[in-house]
Amino acid sequence: MTDAVREVSAGPSWLGFDAGARWGSGFLLDSAAFRPMLGARSFGNDGAGGQFAFGDDEFGVGFAYVANRMIGHGDARANRLIEAVRECLDG
């Protein structure tokens, strides 16, 4: 788990722009600018169409969202669901 959440890469992609993504050992890490999750122990991955899955051992949460309709760049559905999970944990 510690290896999965250790940042290995961040910054500009090979295309030259920096979307704010942070990467561990093959997993996307929590990033307020790119994909907010629950915190420092969150790691996961996303896919085309808005799909997203992550786990967080600090909160004991596993989360997965699969869309049935592709919206494209800027799709906020998964982010809204993650925010709802965060609110449930805070409340």
Protein backbone atom coordinates (compact mmCIF):
# COMPACT_ATOMS: atom_id res chain seq x y z
CA MET A 1 0.00 0.00 0.00
CA THR A 2 2.76 2.44 0.90
CA ASP A 3 4.40 1.87 -2.48
CA ALA A 4 1.10 2.42 -4.30
CA VAL A 5 0.58 5.87 -2.75
CA ARG A 6 4.20 7.05 -3.02
CA GLU A 7 4.44 9.74 -5.72
CA VAL A 8 6.62 8.62 -8.60
CA SER A 9 5.63 11.13 -11.28
CA ALA A 10 3.97 14.54 -11.53
CA GLY A 11 4.18 17.59 -13.73
CA PRO A 12 3.96 18.05 -17.49
CA SER A 13 2.97 15.01 -19.55
CA TRP A 14 4.75 13.92 -22.70
CA LEU A 15 2.38 16.27 -24.55
CA GLY A 16 3.89 19.17 -22.60
CA PHE A 17 0.98 20.30 -20.42
CA ASP A 18 0.47 19.81 -16.71
CA ALA A 19 -3.11 18.79 -15.84
CA GLY A 20 -2.19 18.39 -12.17
CA ALA A 21 -2.14 14.58 -12.16
CA ARG A 22 0.11 12.76 -9.71
CA TRP A 23 1.11 9.12 -10.18
CA GLY A 24 2.32 6.39 -7.87
CA SER A 25 3.44 2.92 -8.95
CA GLY A 26 0.90 2.61 -11.76
CA PHE A 27 -1.92 4.35 -9.91
CA LEU A 28 -3.37 7.83 -10.05
CA LEU A 29 -2.98 9.59 -6.69
CA ASP A 30 -5.21 12.11 -4.93
CA SER A 31 -4.84 15.51 -6.59
CA ALA A 32 -7.08 18.49 -5.91
CA ALA A 33 -6.26 19.93 -9.34
CA PHE A 34 -6.84 16.77 -11.38
CA ARG A 35 -8.82 14.07 -9.56
CA PRO A 36 -9.66 14.67 -5.90
CA MET A 37 -10.20 11.48 -3.91
CA LEU A 38 -10.31 11.13 -0.12
CA GLY A 39 -6.74 11.92 0.88
CA ALA A 40 -3.07 10.98 0.93
CA ARG A 41 -3.77 7.20 1.06
CA SER A 42 -6.13 7.21 -1.96
CA PHE A 43 -5.05 5.61 -5.23
CA GLY A 44 -6.93 4.51 -8.32
CA ASN A 45 -7.41 4.95 -12.02
CA ASP A 46 -9.88 6.44 -14.45
CA GLY A 47 -10.98 5.66 -17.97
CA ALA A 48 -12.74 6.99 -21.01
CA GLY A 49 -16.35 7.89 -20.42
CA GLY A 50 -15.90 9.05 -16.84
CA GLN A 51 -15.21 5.66 -15.24
CA PHE A 52 -13.24 5.85 -12.04
CA ALA A 53 -12.21 3.50 -9.25
CA PHE A 54 -10.06 4.03 -6.18
CA GLY A 55 -9.30 2.66 -2.77
CA ASP A 56 -8.20 4.27 0.47
CA ASP A 57 -6.95 2.12 3.35
CA GLU A 58 -7.03 4.98 5.86
CA PHE A 59 -10.79 5.37 5.43
CA GLY A 60 -11.41 1.70 4.59
CA VAL A 61 -13.18 2.68 1.37
CA GLY A 62 -13.30 1.09 -2.06
CA PHE A 63 -15.13 3.11 -4.73
CA ALA A 64 -16.01 2.35 -8.34
CA TYR A 65 -18.14 4.24 -10.84
CA VAL A 66 -18.96 3.05 -14.35
CA ALA A 67 -20.81 5.37 -16.71
CA ASN A 68 -23.26 4.19 -19.32
CA ARG A 69 -22.95 7.34 -21.42
CA MET A 70 -19.73 9.00 -22.57
CA ILE A 71 -19.68 12.75 -22.00
CA GLY A 72 -16.02 13.55 -22.67
CA HIS A 73 -13.51 15.95 -21.15
CA GLY A 74 -14.74 17.77 -18.09
CA ASP A 75 -17.17 15.03 -17.03
CA ALA A 76 -17.78 15.77 -13.33
CA ARG A 77 -20.08 12.84 -12.45
CA ALA A 78 -17.43 10.76 -10.66
CA ASN A 79 -16.10 13.84 -8.84
CA ARG A 80 -19.59 14.62 -7.53
CA LEU A 81 -20.00 11.05 -6.26
CA ILE A 82 -16.58 11.14 -4.57
CA GLU A 83 -17.54 14.42 -2.89
CA ALA A 84 -20.72 12.76 -1.58
CA VAL A 85 -18.64 9.89 -0.15
CA ARG A 86 -16.29 12.43 1.47
CA GLU A 87 -19.26 14.26 3.04
CA CYS A 88 -20.61 10.97 4.45
CA LEU A 89 -17.23 10.21 6.03
CA ASP A 90 -16.92 13.73 7.48
CA GLY A 91 -20.47 13.74 8.84
